[in-house]
N, C-alpha and C. Protein backbone atom coordinates (compact mmCIF):
# COMPACT_ATOMS: atom_id res chain seq x y z
N MET A 1 -4.74 7.95 3.29
CA MET A 1 -5.45 8.25 1.90
C MET A 1 -6.17 9.91 1.90
N THR A 2 -6.41 10.59 2.77
CA THR A 2 -7.27 11.95 3.01
C THR A 2 -5.75 12.67 2.18
N ARG A 3 -4.80 12.59 3.15
CA ARG A 3 -3.63 13.59 2.94
C ARG A 3 -3.43 12.63 1.00
N PHE A 4 -3.33 11.79 1.14
CA PHE A 4 -2.43 11.20 -0.36
C PHE A 4 -3.11 11.54 -1.45
N ARG A 5 -4.86 12.08 -1.43
CA ARG A 5 -5.16 12.76 -2.61
C ARG A 5 -5.09 14.25 -2.49
N LYS A 6 -4.28 15.11 -2.01
CA LYS A 6 -4.31 16.36 -2.18
C LYS A 6 -2.52 16.51 -2.83
N HIS A 7 -2.16 15.30 -2.96
CA HIS A 7 -0.59 15.91 -3.61
C HIS A 7 -0.84 16.01 -4.83
N LYS A 8 0.18 16.69 -5.70
CA LYS A 8 -0.10 16.85 -7.60
C LYS A 8 0.97 15.50 -7.91
N TYR A 9 2.04 15.22 -6.88
CA TYR A 9 2.73 14.09 -7.37
C TYR A 9 2.75 13.34 -6.11
N ALA A 10 2.32 12.05 -6.69
CA ALA A 10 2.17 11.14 -5.35
C ALA A 10 2.20 9.70 -6.26
N PHE A 11 3.23 8.82 -4.58
CA PHE A 11 4.19 8.24 -5.14
C PHE A 11 3.50 6.52 -3.83
N THR A 12 3.51 5.50 -4.56
CA THR A 12 3.42 4.49 -3.16
C THR A 12 4.84 3.91 -3.42
N THR A 13 5.23 3.23 -2.35
CA THR A 13 6.39 2.03 -2.59
C THR A 13 5.81 1.05 -0.83
N ASP A 14 7.05 0.01 -0.78
CA ASP A 14 6.65 -0.94 0.22
C ASP A 14 7.84 -0.61 0.53
N ILE A 15 7.92 -1.03 1.70
CA ILE A 15 9.71 -2.03 2.54
C ILE A 15 10.03 -3.16 2.11
N GLN A 16 10.71 -3.71 2.13
CA GLN A 16 10.81 -5.06 0.68
C GLN A 16 11.24 -5.65 2.56
N MET A 17 10.29 -6.46 2.83
CA MET A 17 10.62 -8.08 3.40
C MET A 17 11.10 -7.56 4.58
N MET A 18 10.27 -6.16 5.46
CA MET A 18 10.12 -5.47 6.85
C MET A 18 10.71 -5.95 8.11
N PHE A 19 10.04 -7.20 7.87
CA PHE A 19 9.53 -7.94 9.53
C PHE A 19 11.02 -9.15 9.39
N ARG A 20 11.60 -9.26 8.26
CA ARG A 20 12.81 -10.46 8.50
C ARG A 20 14.13 -8.99 8.62
N GLN A 21 13.81 -7.61 8.21
CA GLN A 21 14.97 -6.87 9.03
C GLN A 21 15.05 -6.16 10.07
N ILE A 22 13.86 -6.45 11.18
CA ILE A 22 14.05 -6.19 12.56
C ILE A 22 14.24 -7.54 13.27
N LEU A 23 15.59 -6.84 14.40
CA LEU A 23 15.77 -8.21 15.28
C LEU A 23 15.10 -8.12 16.70
N ILE A 24 14.91 -9.63 16.96
CA ILE A 24 14.21 -9.38 18.24
C ILE A 24 15.73 -9.40 19.57
N ASP A 25 15.05 -8.67 20.24
CA ASP A 25 15.92 -8.67 21.72
C ASP A 25 16.04 -10.09 22.32
N PRO A 26 17.54 -10.74 22.26
CA PRO A 26 17.75 -11.92 22.57
C PRO A 26 17.31 -12.57 23.90
N ALA A 27 16.49 -11.75 24.66
CA ALA A 27 16.65 -11.97 25.85
C ALA A 27 14.70 -12.66 25.81
N GLN A 28 14.67 -12.07 24.27
CA GLN A 28 12.68 -12.52 24.39
C GLN A 28 12.50 -13.63 23.09
N ARG A 29 13.69 -14.32 22.30
CA ARG A 29 13.58 -14.81 21.40
C ARG A 29 13.36 -16.05 22.08
N TYR A 30 13.12 -16.49 23.25
CA TYR A 30 12.43 -17.88 23.76
C TYR A 30 11.32 -17.62 23.80
N LEU A 31 10.71 -16.76 23.29
CA LEU A 31 8.87 -16.77 23.52
C LEU A 31 8.62 -17.12 22.20
N LEU A 32 9.96 -16.86 20.63
CA LEU A 32 9.63 -17.11 19.46
C LEU A 32 10.06 -18.76 19.29
N ARG A 33 9.62 -19.92 19.62
CA ARG A 33 10.39 -21.07 19.61
C ARG A 33 9.58 -22.04 18.88
N VAL A 34 10.11 -22.47 17.61
CA VAL A 34 9.63 -23.44 16.81
C VAL A 34 10.60 -25.36 16.77
N MET A 35 9.68 -26.35 17.19
CA MET A 35 10.05 -27.41 16.52
C MET A 35 10.13 -27.60 15.30
N TRP A 36 11.01 -28.85 15.17
CA TRP A 36 10.96 -29.16 13.42
C TRP A 36 11.91 -30.37 13.55
N LYS A 37 11.31 -31.18 12.58
CA LYS A 37 12.02 -32.58 12.51
C LYS A 37 11.58 -32.64 10.86
N THR A 38 12.32 -33.55 10.23
CA THR A 38 12.58 -33.94 8.97
C THR A 38 11.64 -35.11 8.90
N ARG A 39 11.93 -36.22 9.78
CA ARG A 39 10.97 -37.72 9.96
C ARG A 39 10.63 -37.28 10.53
N ALA A 40 9.08 -38.52 11.06
CA ALA A 40 8.51 -38.85 11.94
C ALA A 40 9.29 -39.27 13.06
N ASN A 41 10.50 -40.59 12.80
CA ASN A 41 10.76 -40.94 13.98
C ASN A 41 11.93 -40.07 14.57
N GLU A 42 12.34 -38.89 13.94
CA GLU A 42 13.82 -38.05 14.49
C GLU A 42 13.07 -37.60 16.05
N GLU A 43 14.27 -36.57 16.50
CA GLU A 43 13.92 -36.10 17.70
C GLU A 43 14.32 -34.59 16.90
N PRO A 44 12.65 -33.85 17.52
CA PRO A 44 12.89 -32.42 17.31
C PRO A 44 13.91 -31.17 17.40
N VAL A 45 13.99 -31.04 16.66
CA VAL A 45 15.66 -29.53 17.05
C VAL A 45 13.96 -28.10 17.37
N ILE A 46 14.72 -27.94 17.93
CA ILE A 46 14.11 -26.69 18.58
C ILE A 46 14.93 -25.27 18.88
N TYR A 47 14.29 -24.77 17.52
CA TYR A 47 14.50 -23.43 17.34
C TYR A 47 14.31 -21.77 17.69
N ARG A 48 14.81 -20.60 17.76
CA ARG A 48 14.47 -19.95 18.01
C ARG A 48 14.28 -18.69 17.68
N LEU A 49 13.65 -18.02 16.79
CA LEU A 49 13.69 -16.98 15.72
C LEU A 49 13.93 -15.67 15.81
N LYS A 50 14.82 -15.23 15.38
CA LYS A 50 15.64 -14.45 15.60
C LYS A 50 14.93 -12.80 15.28
N THR A 51 14.31 -12.55 14.37
CA THR A 51 13.69 -11.56 13.61
C THR A 51 11.87 -11.63 13.94
N VAL A 52 11.50 -10.24 13.96
CA VAL A 52 10.26 -10.62 13.94
C VAL A 52 9.20 -11.37 12.88
N THR A 53 8.42 -12.09 13.18
CA THR A 53 7.49 -13.21 12.87
C THR A 53 6.10 -12.83 12.26
N TYR A 54 6.18 -12.86 10.88
CA TYR A 54 4.83 -12.75 10.57
C TYR A 54 3.48 -14.08 10.85
N GLY A 55 2.86 -13.06 11.39
CA GLY A 55 1.48 -14.17 12.10
C GLY A 55 1.23 -14.09 13.62
N THR A 56 2.65 -13.83 14.59
CA THR A 56 2.03 -13.56 15.74
C THR A 56 2.19 -12.45 16.11
N THR A 57 1.12 -12.41 17.38
CA THR A 57 0.63 -11.24 18.08
C THR A 57 1.17 -9.70 17.62
N SER A 58 2.14 -10.11 18.49
CA SER A 58 2.55 -8.48 18.77
C SER A 58 3.68 -8.39 17.55
N ASP A 59 3.11 -9.35 16.07
CA ASP A 59 4.60 -8.36 14.56
C ASP A 59 4.05 -7.35 14.29
N PRO A 60 2.61 -6.71 14.50
CA PRO A 60 2.79 -5.17 14.01
C PRO A 60 3.18 -4.03 14.57
N PHE A 61 2.68 -4.19 15.60
CA PHE A 61 3.43 -3.48 16.66
C PHE A 61 4.49 -3.25 17.06
N LEU A 62 5.80 -4.13 16.94
CA LEU A 62 6.91 -4.50 16.85
C LEU A 62 7.33 -3.51 15.78
N ALA A 63 7.06 -3.70 14.29
CA ALA A 63 7.28 -3.07 13.23
C ALA A 63 7.25 -1.86 12.91
N ILE A 64 5.58 -1.42 13.20
CA ILE A 64 5.63 -0.25 13.48
C ILE A 64 6.18 1.04 14.28
N GLN A 65 6.76 0.35 15.21
CA GLN A 65 6.78 0.88 16.47
C GLN A 65 8.86 1.50 16.55
N THR A 66 9.36 0.01 15.44
CA THR A 66 10.65 0.41 15.18
C THR A 66 10.39 1.31 13.98
N LEU A 67 10.08 1.35 12.96
CA LEU A 67 9.71 2.60 12.35
C LEU A 67 9.29 3.79 12.72
N LYS A 68 8.34 3.93 13.60
CA LYS A 68 8.50 5.38 14.22
C LYS A 68 9.82 5.54 15.06
N GLN A 69 10.69 4.61 15.64
CA GLN A 69 11.87 4.99 16.38
C GLN A 69 12.62 5.93 15.35
N LEU A 70 12.81 4.90 13.97
CA LEU A 70 13.94 5.07 13.52
C LEU A 70 13.58 6.71 12.75
N ALA A 71 12.30 7.19 12.62
CA ALA A 71 12.14 8.15 12.06
C ALA A 71 12.37 9.07 13.19
N MET A 72 11.93 9.33 14.18
CA MET A 72 12.17 10.36 15.42
C MET A 72 13.66 10.19 15.62
N ASP A 73 14.55 9.06 15.37
CA ASP A 73 15.88 9.05 15.92
C ASP A 73 16.78 10.20 14.57
N GLU A 74 15.75 9.65 13.56
CA GLU A 74 16.53 10.62 11.90
C GLU A 74 15.82 11.96 11.70
N ALA A 75 15.13 12.20 12.37
CA ALA A 75 14.55 13.45 11.99
C ALA A 75 15.52 14.48 11.74
N SER A 76 16.46 14.75 12.11
CA SER A 76 17.57 15.64 12.03
C SER A 76 17.95 15.81 10.75
N ARG A 77 18.53 14.59 10.64
CA ARG A 77 19.26 14.11 8.75
C ARG A 77 18.10 14.27 8.14
N PHE A 78 17.04 13.45 7.92
CA PHE A 78 15.80 13.49 6.81
C PHE A 78 14.55 13.63 7.12
N PRO A 79 14.17 15.19 7.14
CA PRO A 79 13.39 15.34 8.08
C PRO A 79 11.81 15.38 6.97
N LEU A 80 12.20 15.67 6.06
CA LEU A 80 10.85 14.86 5.23
C LEU A 80 10.45 13.36 5.37
N ALA A 81 11.42 12.57 5.16
CA ALA A 81 11.30 11.38 5.39
C ALA A 81 10.78 11.02 7.02
N SER A 82 11.03 11.84 7.90
CA SER A 82 10.55 11.56 9.33
C SER A 82 9.39 11.88 9.47
N LYS A 83 8.81 12.82 8.63
CA LYS A 83 7.07 13.21 9.00
C LYS A 83 6.62 12.00 8.64
N VAL A 84 6.87 11.69 6.61
CA VAL A 84 6.34 10.33 6.31
C VAL A 84 6.08 9.68 7.24
N ALA A 85 7.35 9.09 7.98
CA ALA A 85 7.24 7.85 7.92
C ALA A 85 6.37 7.85 9.30
N LEU A 86 5.94 8.78 10.26
CA LEU A 86 5.10 8.95 11.10
C LEU A 86 4.06 9.20 10.70
N GLN A 87 3.73 9.53 9.82
CA GLN A 87 2.36 9.51 9.26
C GLN A 87 1.27 8.85 8.06
N ASP A 88 2.49 8.52 6.80
CA ASP A 88 1.74 8.31 5.97
C ASP A 88 2.89 6.83 5.78
N VAL A 89 2.57 6.03 6.69
CA VAL A 89 3.10 5.20 6.23
C VAL A 89 1.84 3.64 6.89
N TYR A 90 1.67 2.90 6.14
CA TYR A 90 0.80 1.97 6.86
C TYR A 90 1.17 0.67 7.01
N MET A 91 1.56 0.14 7.88
CA MET A 91 2.55 -1.45 8.28
C MET A 91 3.83 -1.06 7.11
N ASP A 92 4.29 -1.89 6.11
CA ASP A 92 5.02 -1.26 5.55
C ASP A 92 5.01 -1.12 4.34
N ASP A 93 3.56 0.03 3.88
CA ASP A 93 3.37 0.64 2.67
C ASP A 93 3.59 1.97 3.36
N VAL A 94 3.80 2.85 2.25
CA VAL A 94 4.33 4.24 2.20
C VAL A 94 3.11 4.78 1.03
N VAL A 95 2.59 5.61 1.45
CA VAL A 95 1.64 6.24 0.25
C VAL A 95 1.85 8.01 0.49
N SER A 96 2.82 8.85 -0.20
CA SER A 96 2.50 9.98 0.19
C SER A 96 3.19 10.35 -0.83
N GLY A 97 3.57 11.80 -1.18
CA GLY A 97 3.78 13.13 -2.47
C GLY A 97 3.95 13.91 -2.07
N ALA A 98 4.06 14.38 -2.62
CA ALA A 98 4.55 16.28 -2.53
C ALA A 98 3.41 17.36 -3.78
N GLN A 99 3.95 18.64 -3.34
CA GLN A 99 2.68 19.13 -4.11
C GLN A 99 3.57 20.05 -5.30
N ASN A 100 5.24 19.45 -5.12
CA ASN A 100 6.29 20.08 -6.66
C ASN A 100 7.26 18.68 -6.69
N LEU A 101 7.36 19.00 -7.81
CA LEU A 101 7.99 17.71 -8.01
C LEU A 101 9.94 17.91 -7.27
N ASP A 102 10.40 18.89 -7.12
CA ASP A 102 11.22 18.96 -6.53
C ASP A 102 11.73 18.51 -5.16
N THR A 103 10.53 18.85 -4.38
CA THR A 103 9.88 18.20 -3.05
C THR A 103 9.84 16.79 -2.93
N ALA A 104 9.18 16.33 -3.92
CA ALA A 104 8.72 15.35 -4.28
C ALA A 104 10.53 14.06 -4.33
N HIS A 105 11.06 14.69 -5.38
CA HIS A 105 12.08 13.91 -5.34
C HIS A 105 13.52 13.85 -4.38
N GLN A 106 13.39 15.30 -3.08
CA GLN A 106 13.66 14.82 -1.90
C GLN A 106 12.94 13.69 -0.95
N LEU A 107 12.11 13.84 -1.14
CA LEU A 107 10.99 13.01 0.01
C LEU A 107 11.32 11.63 -0.48
N GLN A 108 11.43 11.56 -2.43
CA GLN A 108 12.24 10.05 -2.47
C GLN A 108 13.80 9.70 -1.92
N CYS A 109 14.03 10.69 -2.48
CA CYS A 109 15.62 10.14 -1.96
C CYS A 109 16.23 10.11 0.01
N GLN A 110 15.22 10.80 0.48
CA GLN A 110 15.21 10.80 1.50
C GLN A 110 14.76 9.71 2.45
N LEU A 111 13.82 9.33 1.90
CA LEU A 111 13.25 7.78 2.48
C LEU A 111 14.08 6.72 2.06
N GLN A 112 14.68 6.70 0.88
CA GLN A 112 15.58 5.46 0.51
C GLN A 112 16.92 5.64 1.36
N ASN A 113 17.01 6.65 1.75
CA ASN A 113 18.26 7.08 2.57
C ASN A 113 18.43 6.54 4.09
N MET A 114 17.06 6.92 4.49
CA MET A 114 16.80 7.01 6.24
C MET A 114 16.60 5.32 6.13
N LEU A 115 15.94 4.62 5.31
CA LEU A 115 15.46 3.17 5.80
C LEU A 115 16.94 2.57 5.75
N GLU A 116 17.91 2.95 4.64
CA GLU A 116 19.35 2.28 4.30
C GLU A 116 19.81 2.88 5.37
N THR A 117 19.78 3.37 6.18
CA THR A 117 20.61 3.52 7.72
C THR A 117 20.32 2.13 8.53
N CYS A 118 18.89 1.35 8.40
CA CYS A 118 18.96 0.10 9.03
C CYS A 118 18.11 -1.00 8.27
N GLY A 119 18.99 -0.85 7.65
CA GLY A 119 19.43 -2.24 6.64
C GLY A 119 18.36 -2.35 5.59
N MET A 120 17.14 -1.51 5.91
CA MET A 120 15.91 -1.63 5.03
C MET A 120 15.65 -0.93 3.26
N LYS A 121 15.22 -1.57 2.23
CA LYS A 121 14.59 -1.42 1.16
C LYS A 121 13.47 -0.71 0.60
N LEU A 122 13.27 0.01 0.00
CA LEU A 122 12.31 0.61 -0.61
C LEU A 122 12.16 -0.19 -2.39
N HIS A 123 11.15 -0.83 -2.28
CA HIS A 123 10.47 -1.30 -3.60
C HIS A 123 9.16 -1.11 -3.92
N LYS A 124 8.99 -1.64 -5.66
CA LYS A 124 7.37 -2.03 -5.97
C LYS A 124 7.06 -0.34 -5.74
N TRP A 125 7.87 0.60 -6.26
CA TRP A 125 7.60 2.04 -6.30
C TRP A 125 5.86 2.40 -7.84
N ASN A 126 5.29 2.95 -7.01
CA ASN A 126 4.57 3.71 -7.67
C ASN A 126 4.07 4.94 -7.96
N SER A 127 3.82 5.17 -8.81
CA SER A 127 3.79 7.17 -9.17
C SER A 127 2.85 7.69 -10.42
N ASN A 128 2.46 8.39 -10.29
CA ASN A 128 1.53 9.28 -11.35
C ASN A 128 2.10 10.00 -11.82
N SER A 129 3.99 10.05 -11.57
CA SER A 129 4.69 10.92 -12.41
C SER A 129 5.96 10.20 -13.07
N LYS A 130 6.27 9.98 -14.67
CA LYS A 130 6.89 9.18 -14.52
C LYS A 130 8.59 10.05 -14.57
N GLU A 131 8.15 11.24 -13.98
CA GLU A 131 10.07 11.58 -13.36
C GLU A 131 10.27 10.84 -12.16
N LEU A 132 9.00 10.85 -11.00
CA LEU A 132 9.59 10.18 -9.71
C LEU A 132 9.72 8.35 -10.33
N LEU A 133 9.40 8.09 -11.45
CA LEU A 133 9.48 6.71 -11.74
C LEU A 133 11.04 6.76 -12.54
N ASN A 134 11.04 7.01 -13.45
CA ASN A 134 12.64 7.07 -13.95
C ASN A 134 13.65 7.37 -12.73
N SER A 135 13.33 8.03 -11.60
CA SER A 135 14.56 8.25 -10.42
C SER A 135 15.08 7.33 -9.82
N SER A 136 14.01 6.22 -9.36
CA SER A 136 14.25 5.13 -8.95
C SER A 136 14.93 3.57 -9.61
N THR A 137 15.51 3.05 -9.68
CA THR A 137 15.84 1.74 -9.99
C THR A 137 15.12 0.74 -9.54
N ASP A 138 13.71 0.59 -8.73
CA ASP A 138 13.06 -0.46 -9.14
C ASP A 138 11.50 0.17 -9.22
N GLN A 139 11.24 -0.09 -10.38
CA GLN A 139 9.89 0.31 -11.02
C GLN A 139 8.95 -0.93 -11.02
N GLU A 140 8.02 -1.19 -10.74
CA GLU A 140 6.98 -2.25 -10.84
C GLU A 140 5.86 -1.71 -11.76
N HIS A 141 5.21 -0.70 -11.96
CA HIS A 141 4.13 0.22 -12.50
C HIS A 141 3.67 1.15 -11.75
N SER A 142 3.29 1.85 -13.26
CA SER A 142 2.68 4.10 -12.71
C SER A 142 1.37 3.68 -12.72
N PHE A 143 0.50 4.47 -11.98
CA PHE A 143 -0.80 4.92 -12.00
C PHE A 143 -1.13 4.82 -13.57
N SER A 144 -2.58 3.73 -13.72
CA SER A 144 -3.29 4.64 -14.88
C SER A 144 -3.94 6.21 -15.00
N THR A 145 -3.13 6.60 -16.21
CA THR A 145 -3.92 7.99 -16.69
C THR A 145 -4.79 8.04 -17.83
N ASN A 146 -5.23 6.63 -18.41
CA ASN A 146 -6.10 6.87 -19.36
C ASN A 146 -7.47 5.97 -18.38
N ALA A 147 -8.03 7.20 -18.66
CA ALA A 147 -10.08 6.95 -17.62
C ALA A 147 -10.56 5.64 -18.40
N GLU A 148 -10.38 5.15 -19.53
CA GLU A 148 -11.47 4.47 -20.97
C GLU A 148 -11.03 3.28 -19.59
N SER A 149 -9.89 3.07 -20.39
CA SER A 149 -8.64 1.92 -19.55
C SER A 149 -8.90 1.95 -17.95
N ALA A 150 -9.12 2.52 -17.19
CA ALA A 150 -9.39 2.42 -16.16
C ALA A 150 -10.88 1.87 -15.97
N ILE A 151 -12.13 2.10 -16.24
CA ILE A 151 -13.36 1.82 -16.48
C ILE A 151 -13.14 0.70 -16.57
N LYS A 152 -12.86 0.29 -17.70
CA LYS A 152 -12.63 -1.46 -18.30
C LYS A 152 -12.46 -2.08 -16.93
N SER A 153 -11.33 -1.90 -16.97
CA SER A 153 -10.47 -2.80 -15.83
C SER A 153 -11.83 -2.75 -14.89
N PHE A 154 -11.89 -1.60 -14.39
CA PHE A 154 -12.74 -1.97 -13.02
C PHE A 154 -13.90 -2.21 -13.40
N LEU A 155 -14.55 -2.53 -13.88
CA LEU A 155 -15.41 -2.85 -14.35
C LEU A 155 -15.47 -4.40 -14.64
N LYS A 156 -14.21 -5.14 -15.56
CA LYS A 156 -14.18 -6.14 -15.36
C LYS A 156 -13.95 -6.73 -14.01
N CYS A 157 -12.83 -6.32 -13.09
CA CYS A 157 -13.21 -6.80 -11.50
C CYS A 157 -14.43 -7.23 -11.09
N TYR A 158 -15.54 -5.72 -11.56
CA TYR A 158 -17.16 -6.13 -10.56
C TYR A 158 -17.37 -7.43 -10.99
N PHE A 159 -17.70 -7.17 -12.49
CA PHE A 159 -18.51 -8.40 -13.03
C PHE A 159 -18.02 -9.82 -12.54
N LYS A 160 -16.82 -9.94 -11.93
CA LYS A 160 -15.97 -11.05 -11.76
C LYS A 160 -16.40 -11.61 -10.15
N LEU A 161 -16.34 -10.27 -9.75
CA LEU A 161 -17.10 -10.14 -8.23
C LEU A 161 -18.71 -10.45 -8.46
N GLY A 162 -19.09 -10.32 -9.26
CA GLY A 162 -20.12 -10.13 -9.37
C GLY A 162 -20.79 -11.61 -9.15
N ARG A 163 -20.03 -12.46 -10.20
CA ARG A 163 -20.47 -14.00 -10.76
C ARG A 163 -20.18 -14.72 -9.16
N ASP A 164 -19.12 -14.33 -8.72
CA ASP A 164 -18.23 -14.92 -7.50
C ASP A 164 -19.36 -15.14 -6.09
N VAL A 165 -19.93 -13.82 -5.99
CA VAL A 165 -20.78 -13.57 -5.13
C VAL A 165 -22.33 -13.94 -5.67
N GLY A 166 -22.37 -14.76 -6.07
CA GLY A 166 -23.89 -15.27 -6.59
C GLY A 166 -25.02 -14.53 -7.66
N ALA A 167 -25.73 -14.94 -8.63
CA ALA A 167 -26.41 -13.91 -9.12
C ALA A 167 -27.51 -13.45 -8.50
N ALA A 168 -28.35 -14.37 -7.86
CA ALA A 168 -29.22 -13.39 -6.57
C ALA A 168 -28.63 -12.22 -6.20
N ILE A 169 -27.53 -12.59 -5.30
CA ILE A 169 -26.89 -10.94 -4.15
C ILE A 169 -26.58 -10.23 -5.42
N ALA A 170 -26.22 -10.29 -6.02
CA ALA A 170 -25.92 -9.45 -8.03
C ALA A 170 -27.01 -8.96 -8.38
N ALA A 171 -28.23 -9.49 -8.52
CA ALA A 171 -29.19 -9.02 -9.12
C ALA A 171 -29.95 -8.08 -8.38
N ARG A 172 -29.85 -8.12 -7.01
CA ARG A 172 -30.39 -7.47 -6.01
C ARG A 172 -29.52 -5.90 -5.49
N PHE A 173 -28.36 -6.20 -5.70
CA PHE A 173 -27.73 -5.06 -5.22
C PHE A 173 -26.33 -4.19 -5.87
N HIS A 174 -26.21 -5.23 -7.11
CA HIS A 174 -25.32 -4.51 -8.58
C HIS A 174 -25.17 -3.00 -8.55
N VAL A 175 -26.60 -2.66 -8.50
CA VAL A 175 -26.44 -1.17 -9.02
C VAL A 175 -25.70 -0.36 -7.49
N ALA A 176 -26.46 -0.53 -6.29
CA ALA A 176 -25.79 0.30 -5.30
C ALA A 176 -24.35 -0.44 -5.04
N VAL A 177 -24.15 -1.43 -4.88
CA VAL A 177 -22.52 -1.53 -4.78
C VAL A 177 -21.57 -1.19 -6.54
N LEU A 178 -22.35 -0.86 -7.11
CA LEU A 178 -21.60 -0.36 -8.43
C LEU A 178 -21.22 1.12 -7.85
N GLU A 179 -22.29 2.10 -7.83
CA GLU A 179 -22.77 3.31 -7.90
C GLU A 179 -21.46 3.21 -6.52
N ASN A 180 -21.48 3.00 -5.51
CA ASN A 180 -20.79 2.88 -4.22
C ASN A 180 -18.70 2.48 -4.86
N MET A 181 -18.87 1.66 -5.40
CA MET A 181 -17.42 1.18 -5.73
C MET A 181 -16.63 2.61 -6.87
N VAL A 182 -17.95 3.02 -7.81
CA VAL A 182 -17.27 3.89 -8.87
C VAL A 182 -17.26 5.21 -7.99
N LYS A 183 -18.05 5.23 -7.04
CA LYS A 183 -17.35 6.49 -6.46
C LYS A 183 -15.76 6.49 -5.68
N VAL A 184 -15.51 5.50 -4.98
CA VAL A 184 -14.37 4.95 -4.41
C VAL A 184 -13.08 5.62 -5.79
N VAL A 185 -13.86 4.68 -6.98
CA VAL A 185 -12.66 5.08 -7.96
C VAL A 185 -12.38 6.24 -8.27
N ALA A 186 -13.55 6.65 -8.58
CA ALA A 186 -13.42 8.21 -9.16
C ALA A 186 -13.04 9.34 -8.20
N VAL A 187 -13.02 9.14 -6.92
CA VAL A 187 -12.84 10.07 -6.10
C VAL A 187 -11.11 10.27 -5.75
N VAL A 188 -10.76 9.21 -5.67
CA VAL A 188 -9.49 8.54 -5.26
C VAL A 188 -8.25 8.30 -6.31
N ILE A 189 -9.44 7.76 -7.66
CA ILE A 189 -7.92 7.44 -8.43
C ILE A 189 -8.04 8.85 -9.69
N LEU A 190 -8.97 8.79 -10.05
CA LEU A 190 -9.82 9.37 -11.01
C LEU A 190 -9.90 10.75 -11.29
N PRO A 191 -10.11 11.73 -11.93
CA PRO A 191 -10.01 13.20 -11.43
C PRO A 191 -12.22 13.27 -11.80
N ASP A 192 -12.09 12.86 -13.34
CA ASP A 192 -12.79 13.24 -13.52
C ASP A 192 -14.44 12.76 -13.37
N TYR A 193 -14.99 12.82 -12.22
CA TYR A 193 -15.93 12.07 -11.57
C TYR A 193 -17.36 11.89 -12.50
N GLN A 194 -17.32 12.92 -13.11
CA GLN A 194 -18.94 12.91 -13.90
C GLN A 194 -18.63 12.21 -14.97
N SER A 195 -17.68 12.84 -15.97
CA SER A 195 -17.19 11.90 -17.01
C SER A 195 -17.32 10.21 -16.89
N ILE A 196 -16.95 10.20 -15.49
CA ILE A 196 -17.01 8.43 -15.48
C ILE A 196 -18.10 8.15 -15.10
N ARG A 197 -18.70 8.74 -14.15
CA ARG A 197 -20.40 8.02 -14.01
C ARG A 197 -20.99 8.28 -15.58
N GLU A 198 -21.17 8.54 -16.46
CA GLU A 198 -21.62 9.13 -17.72
C GLU A 198 -21.43 7.66 -18.46
N ARG A 199 -19.92 7.37 -18.39
CA ARG A 199 -18.94 6.15 -19.42
C ARG A 199 -19.62 5.28 -18.90
N VAL A 200 -20.07 4.60 -17.29
CA VAL A 200 -20.65 4.16 -16.50
C VAL A 200 -21.93 3.23 -16.69
N GLN A 201 -22.67 4.65 -16.80
CA GLN A 201 -23.99 4.40 -17.52
C GLN A 201 -24.08 3.73 -19.38
N PHE A 202 -23.51 4.33 -19.55
CA PHE A 202 -23.65 3.92 -21.08
C PHE A 202 -23.12 2.85 -21.30
N TYR A 203 -22.00 1.87 -20.33
CA TYR A 203 -21.57 0.86 -20.42
C TYR A 203 -22.29 -0.50 -19.55
N LEU A 204 -23.26 0.14 -18.91
CA LEU A 204 -24.09 -0.83 -18.06
C LEU A 204 -25.65 -0.40 -18.46
N HIS A 205 -25.77 0.81 -18.86
CA HIS A 205 -27.22 0.81 -19.19
C HIS A 205 -28.27 1.16 -17.97
N VAL A 206 -27.81 1.44 -17.35
CA VAL A 206 -27.79 1.69 -15.39
C VAL A 206 -28.46 2.91 -15.04
N GLU A 207 -29.12 3.59 -14.35
CA GLU A 207 -29.25 4.59 -13.94
C GLU A 207 -28.53 4.72 -12.50
N THR A 208 -27.94 5.77 -12.25
CA THR A 208 -27.09 5.75 -10.54
C THR A 208 -27.55 6.97 -9.59
N THR A 209 -27.53 6.56 -9.07
CA THR A 209 -27.96 7.68 -7.82
C THR A 209 -27.21 9.55 -8.44
N PRO A 210 -27.89 10.51 -7.26
CA PRO A 210 -27.55 11.55 -7.69
C PRO A 210 -25.73 11.59 -6.92
N ASP A 211 -25.20 12.32 -7.02
CA ASP A 211 -23.75 12.63 -5.98
C ASP A 211 -23.97 12.87 -5.22
N LEU A 212 -23.18 12.44 -3.95
CA LEU A 212 -23.12 12.96 -3.03
C LEU A 212 -22.67 13.92 -2.92
N LYS A 213 -23.15 15.18 -2.00
CA LYS A 213 -23.05 16.15 -1.89
C LYS A 213 -21.46 16.66 -0.76
């Protein structure tokens, strides 16, 4: 996230069905056996799972190690994508970007091509740049550039959370919780922090603590 904030052109994307694309060594598949039967009086059938299975202890390691090995193997062909795969990926989520649009386009293409070599596909593209979104055939949504709309959406989610956790807790801690959440939204997502704090004070009629230095 720290590196992500530095990019002028930022994007996120998701590796579609990542676990299902990774085959388990046949010699190890006996460790992933499941029993299944459709009726109570039937004999169960034993299946051996062929791919990395979500929910098993080893699945995070296998998925991450597979992606790292791919990045190292393809470093000479896709240098930009290889670097991102090694440091800007959390499980199946890619969170990266570049300082100029041309480099961001190259990175986007290299990521797609590198993952296609092993049958993986990127989807759910999200970016603060319309140019990057337009270059992708799979668009889900774009970053909000409307600060007023973003603040109202944030406050709506906040108050829903306050109701869920209970009036007593919300009454005691809501100002402190709000201040911390506003800082996260302001610093990570939206650029004009001081303006955001003033608008939040206006909407809620509460005083917030001074900015952290």
